[in-house]
C-alpha cells in the first residue's frame, strides 16, 4: 500500500464515468477484478486488439507509487479502475496514440482520452490535477507526459480513474476491464506482490 494515500469516503456518481481501452500484444486474458469486491477471479477478460508492429513499448500510465482502489463493474457500474497515487504524480501515455479529447467534466474532472495508434481502442484518464498538457489532435508516444494525478471533479481522494474502451469512447464503443492491460504493464515485482496479497 502507498502509505501517504488518504481516501475520502466513496461517492455514488449520477453519471457513469468511462475512459480507457488499451490494445496490447502482451495482454493476456488472465485474472480479472471481481466487480465490487476488489478481489481477483478466474473470469477471463476480453482480449484487446494487439498493438501494431513498430509501435513503442507500452508503459504503465502512473510514474510513481500507486495502489488499486475500486475495480471494474460492481453495483454502480464502474467503467474503469481507480488507482490511488499522491496528487502531482506524473501520468504518461501508455501507448502511442492521438489525443481524442482533452476536456473538463463535473464528475470526471480534467480528463484526456487517447485513440490508440493502429487500433480500435481508446484509453481514458480522469481526475487530472490540471488540464492535460497534450492538446486535442496531438500525436503522443508511449511514456509522453500527459499531466498529473489529481482529485478534480467528483473524486474521493487523489487518484487516476483509468478506462479502456473497445471502440470509440462514448461513441459506440464498449468499456472493458482494464486490469489485464494494467497488469501486463506492471513491474514483475509489483505484480507478484499484488497477486500474492490477493491470495491471502
Protein backbone atom coordinates (compact mmCIF):
# COMPACT_ATOMS: atom_id res chain seq x y z
CA UNK A 1 0.00 0.00 0.00
CA UNK A 2 1.04 3.56 -0.57
CA UNK A 3 1.34 4.87 2.99
CA UNK A 4 0.75 8.53 2.22
CA UNK A 5 -2.57 8.00 0.43
CA UNK A 6 -5.71 9.02 2.25
CA UNK A 7 -9.02 8.19 0.70
CA UNK A 8 -12.20 10.06 1.34
CA UNK A 9 -15.48 8.08 1.59
CA UNK A 10 -16.70 6.85 -1.79
CA UNK A 11 -19.47 8.79 -3.51
CA UNK A 12 -22.13 7.46 -5.85
CA UNK A 13 -21.91 9.05 -9.28
CA UNK A 14 -25.08 10.11 -11.05
CA UNK A 15 -23.29 9.96 -14.38
CA UNK A 16 -21.20 6.86 -15.16
CA UNK A 17 -17.55 7.55 -15.77
CA UNK A 18 -15.80 5.96 -18.70
CA UNK A 19 -12.29 6.16 -20.08
CA UNK A 20 -9.89 3.54 -21.31
CA UNK A 21 -9.47 0.52 -23.53
CA UNK A 22 -5.95 -0.48 -24.34
CA UNK A 23 -4.62 -2.54 -27.23
CA UNK A 24 -1.56 -4.53 -26.28
CA UNK A 25 0.01 -7.67 -27.64
CA UNK A 26 1.42 -8.53 -24.20
CA UNK A 27 -2.05 -8.52 -22.60
CA UNK A 28 -3.17 -11.93 -21.50
CA UNK A 29 -6.74 -12.83 -20.77
CA UNK A 30 -5.82 -13.88 -17.25
CA UNK A 31 -7.44 -12.86 -13.99
CA UNK A 32 -9.94 -10.02 -13.86
CA UNK A 33 -11.12 -7.92 -10.92
CA UNK A 34 -14.36 -9.24 -9.43
CA UNK A 35 -16.95 -6.46 -9.74
CA UNK A 36 -17.32 -4.58 -6.48
CA UNK A 37 -15.13 -6.93 -4.45
CA UNK A 38 -11.60 -5.79 -5.31
CA UNK A 39 -10.53 -9.44 -5.47
CA UNK A 40 -9.23 -11.50 -8.34
CA UNK A 41 -11.41 -14.03 -10.12
CA UNK A 42 -10.69 -16.58 -12.79
CA UNK A 43 -13.04 -14.86 -15.26
CA UNK A 44 -11.12 -14.16 -18.46
CA UNK A 45 -11.23 -10.57 -19.64
CA UNK A 46 -11.78 -9.64 -23.30
CA UNK A 47 -8.56 -9.53 -25.29
CA UNK A 48 -7.85 -6.05 -26.68
CA UNK A 49 -6.60 -5.61 -30.22
CA UNK A 50 -2.82 -6.15 -30.34
CA UNK A 51 -0.58 -3.14 -30.79
CA UNK A 52 0.59 -2.51 -34.34
CA UNK A 53 4.11 -3.67 -35.23
CA UNK A 54 6.71 -0.95 -34.77
CA UNK A 55 4.88 0.93 -32.01
CA UNK A 56 6.75 1.85 -28.86
CA UNK A 57 6.82 -0.46 -25.87
CA UNK A 58 3.74 0.21 -23.72
CA UNK A 59 4.37 1.73 -20.29
CA UNK A 60 2.41 1.90 -17.03
CA UNK A 61 0.33 5.14 -17.02
CA UNK A 62 1.34 6.25 -13.50
CA UNK A 63 5.03 7.06 -12.97
CA UNK A 64 5.23 6.82 -9.19
CA UNK A 65 3.75 4.92 -6.24
CA UNK A 66 0.22 3.60 -6.64
CA UNK A 67 -2.35 1.16 -5.28
CA UNK A 68 -5.57 -0.21 -6.70
CA UNK A 69 -8.83 1.07 -5.24
CA UNK A 70 -12.18 0.35 -6.90
CA UNK A 71 -12.33 -2.19 -9.71
CA UNK A 72 -14.37 -2.53 -12.87
CA UNK A 73 -18.13 -3.15 -12.69
CA UNK A 74 -19.95 -3.54 -9.40
CA UNK A 75 -23.26 -2.12 -8.26
CA UNK A 76 -22.51 1.38 -9.51
CA UNK A 77 -21.46 0.22 -12.99
CA UNK A 78 -17.87 1.44 -12.61
CA UNK A 79 -16.46 1.61 -16.13
CA UNK A 80 -12.80 1.66 -15.18
CA UNK A 81 -10.31 1.15 -12.37
CA UNK A 82 -9.43 3.70 -9.69
CA UNK A 83 -5.69 3.79 -8.95
CA UNK A 84 -4.69 5.76 -5.87
CA UNK A 85 -1.49 7.80 -6.12
CA UNK A 86 -0.27 11.04 -4.50
CA UNK A 87 -1.51 14.22 -6.18
CA UNK A 88 1.13 15.53 -8.56
CA UNK A 89 2.40 12.08 -9.66
CA UNK A 90 3.17 12.12 -13.43
CA UNK A 91 0.71 10.46 -15.82
CA UNK A 92 2.02 9.28 -19.19
CA UNK A 93 0.63 7.86 -22.42
CA UNK A 94 0.56 4.08 -22.04
CA UNK A 95 0.98 3.64 -25.82
CA UNK A 96 1.39 5.70 -28.96
CA UNK A 97 -1.89 7.47 -29.68
CA UNK A 98 -3.73 10.56 -30.87
CA UNK A 99 -5.46 12.74 -28.29
CA UNK A 100 -9.19 12.39 -28.98
CA UNK A 101 -10.47 14.62 -26.14
CA UNK A 102 -8.95 16.98 -23.57
CA UNK A 103 -11.77 18.44 -21.52
CA UNK A 104 -13.34 19.04 -18.12
CA UNK A 105 -16.49 17.34 -16.79
CA UNK A 106 -18.21 17.80 -13.43
CA UNK A 107 -17.80 14.13 -12.49
CA UNK A 108 -14.59 13.23 -14.37
CA UNK A 109 -12.79 16.50 -13.64
CA UNK A 110 -9.91 17.21 -16.02
CA UNK A 111 -9.66 14.28 -18.41
CA UNK A 112 -7.92 13.16 -21.56
CA UNK A 113 -8.92 10.36 -23.96
CA UNK A 114 -6.36 8.68 -26.21
CA UNK A 115 -7.18 6.95 -29.51
CA UNK A 116 -4.51 4.25 -29.73
CA UNK A 117 -2.42 4.14 -32.86
CA UNK A 118 -3.46 1.48 -35.42
CA UNK A 119 -6.23 0.01 -33.23
CA UNK A 120 -9.87 0.48 -32.26
CA UNK A 121 -9.03 1.04 -28.59
CA UNK A 122 -9.49 4.26 -26.58
CA UNK A 123 -7.95 4.93 -23.17
CA UNK A 124 -9.35 7.50 -20.73
CA UNK A 125 -7.51 9.23 -17.87
CA UNK A 126 -9.66 11.16 -15.38
CA UNK A 127 -9.31 13.48 -12.35
CA UNK A 128 -6.05 15.09 -13.59
CA UNK A 129 -4.87 17.94 -11.35
CA UNK A 130 -4.99 20.41 -14.28
CA UNK A 131 -5.96 20.22 -17.96
CA UNK A 132 -3.72 17.80 -19.84
CA UNK A 133 -0.62 19.33 -21.41
CA UNK A 134 -1.39 17.27 -24.55
CA UNK A 135 -3.77 19.02 -26.96
CA UNK A 136 -6.72 17.56 -28.86
CA UNK A 137 -5.48 16.03 -32.13
CA UNK A 138 -1.86 15.83 -30.92
CA UNK A 139 0.11 12.60 -31.51
CA UNK A 140 1.77 11.24 -28.37
CA UNK A 141 4.31 8.47 -27.87
CA UNK A 142 4.39 5.82 -25.15
CA UNK A 143 5.77 7.43 -21.99
CA UNK A 144 4.99 11.01 -23.05
CA UNK A 145 3.77 13.21 -20.19
CA UNK A 146 0.02 13.92 -20.26
CA UNK A 147 -0.47 15.55 -16.87
CA UNK A 148 -0.53 14.76 -13.15
CA UNK A 149 -2.67 12.78 -10.71
CA UNK A 150 -5.29 14.97 -9.06
CA UNK A 151 -8.71 14.95 -7.45
CA UNK A 152 -10.71 17.22 -9.76
CA UNK A 153 -14.38 16.56 -10.42
CA UNK A 154 -16.29 14.12 -8.23
CA UNK A 155 -13.21 12.38 -6.82
CA UNK A 156 -12.73 10.76 -3.42
CA UNK A 157 -9.02 11.47 -2.97
CA UNK A 158 -6.02 11.75 -5.30
CA UNK A 159 -6.27 9.03 -7.94
CA UNK A 160 -6.40 8.17 -11.61
CA UNK A 161 -9.67 6.77 -12.91
CA UNK A 162 -8.48 4.74 -15.92
CA UNK A 163 -10.75 3.27 -18.60
CA UNK A 164 -10.21 1.06 -21.64
CA UNK A 165 -12.79 1.06 -24.41
CA UNK A 166 -13.17 -1.35 -27.31
CA UNK A 167 -14.21 1.18 -29.92
CA UNK A 168 -14.74 4.91 -29.59
CA UNK A 169 -15.12 6.28 -26.05
CA UNK A 170 -18.82 7.14 -25.64
CA UNK A 171 -19.19 6.93 -29.42
CA UNK A 172 -20.44 3.38 -29.91
CA UNK A 173 -17.62 1.61 -28.07
CA UNK A 174 -17.82 -0.63 -25.01
CA UNK A 175 -15.83 -0.30 -21.76
CA UNK A 176 -13.77 -3.38 -20.82
CA UNK A 177 -11.92 -4.33 -17.64
CA UNK A 178 -8.56 -2.51 -17.75
CA UNK A 179 -6.86 -4.83 -15.23
CA UNK A 180 -5.39 -7.35 -17.71
CA UNK A 181 -3.84 -4.46 -19.62
CA UNK A 182 -2.57 -2.69 -16.48
CA UNK A 183 -1.22 -5.93 -15.02
CA UNK A 184 0.78 -6.56 -18.19
CA UNK A 185 2.50 -3.17 -17.74
CA UNK A 186 3.42 -3.55 -14.06
CA UNK A 187 6.96 -4.31 -12.97
CA UNK A 188 7.18 -8.07 -12.31
CA UNK A 189 7.97 -7.48 -8.61
CA UNK A 190 4.92 -5.20 -8.16
CA UNK A 191 2.63 -7.67 -9.98
CA UNK A 192 3.92 -10.62 -7.90
CA UNK A 193 3.43 -8.72 -4.61
CA UNK A 194 -0.13 -7.71 -5.59
CA UNK A 195 -1.05 -11.26 -6.69
CA UNK A 196 0.45 -12.70 -3.51
CA UNK A 197 -1.55 -10.36 -1.26
CA UNK A 198 -4.79 -11.12 -3.16
CA UNK A 199 -4.44 -14.84 -2.38
CA UNK A 200 -4.39 -14.26 1.39
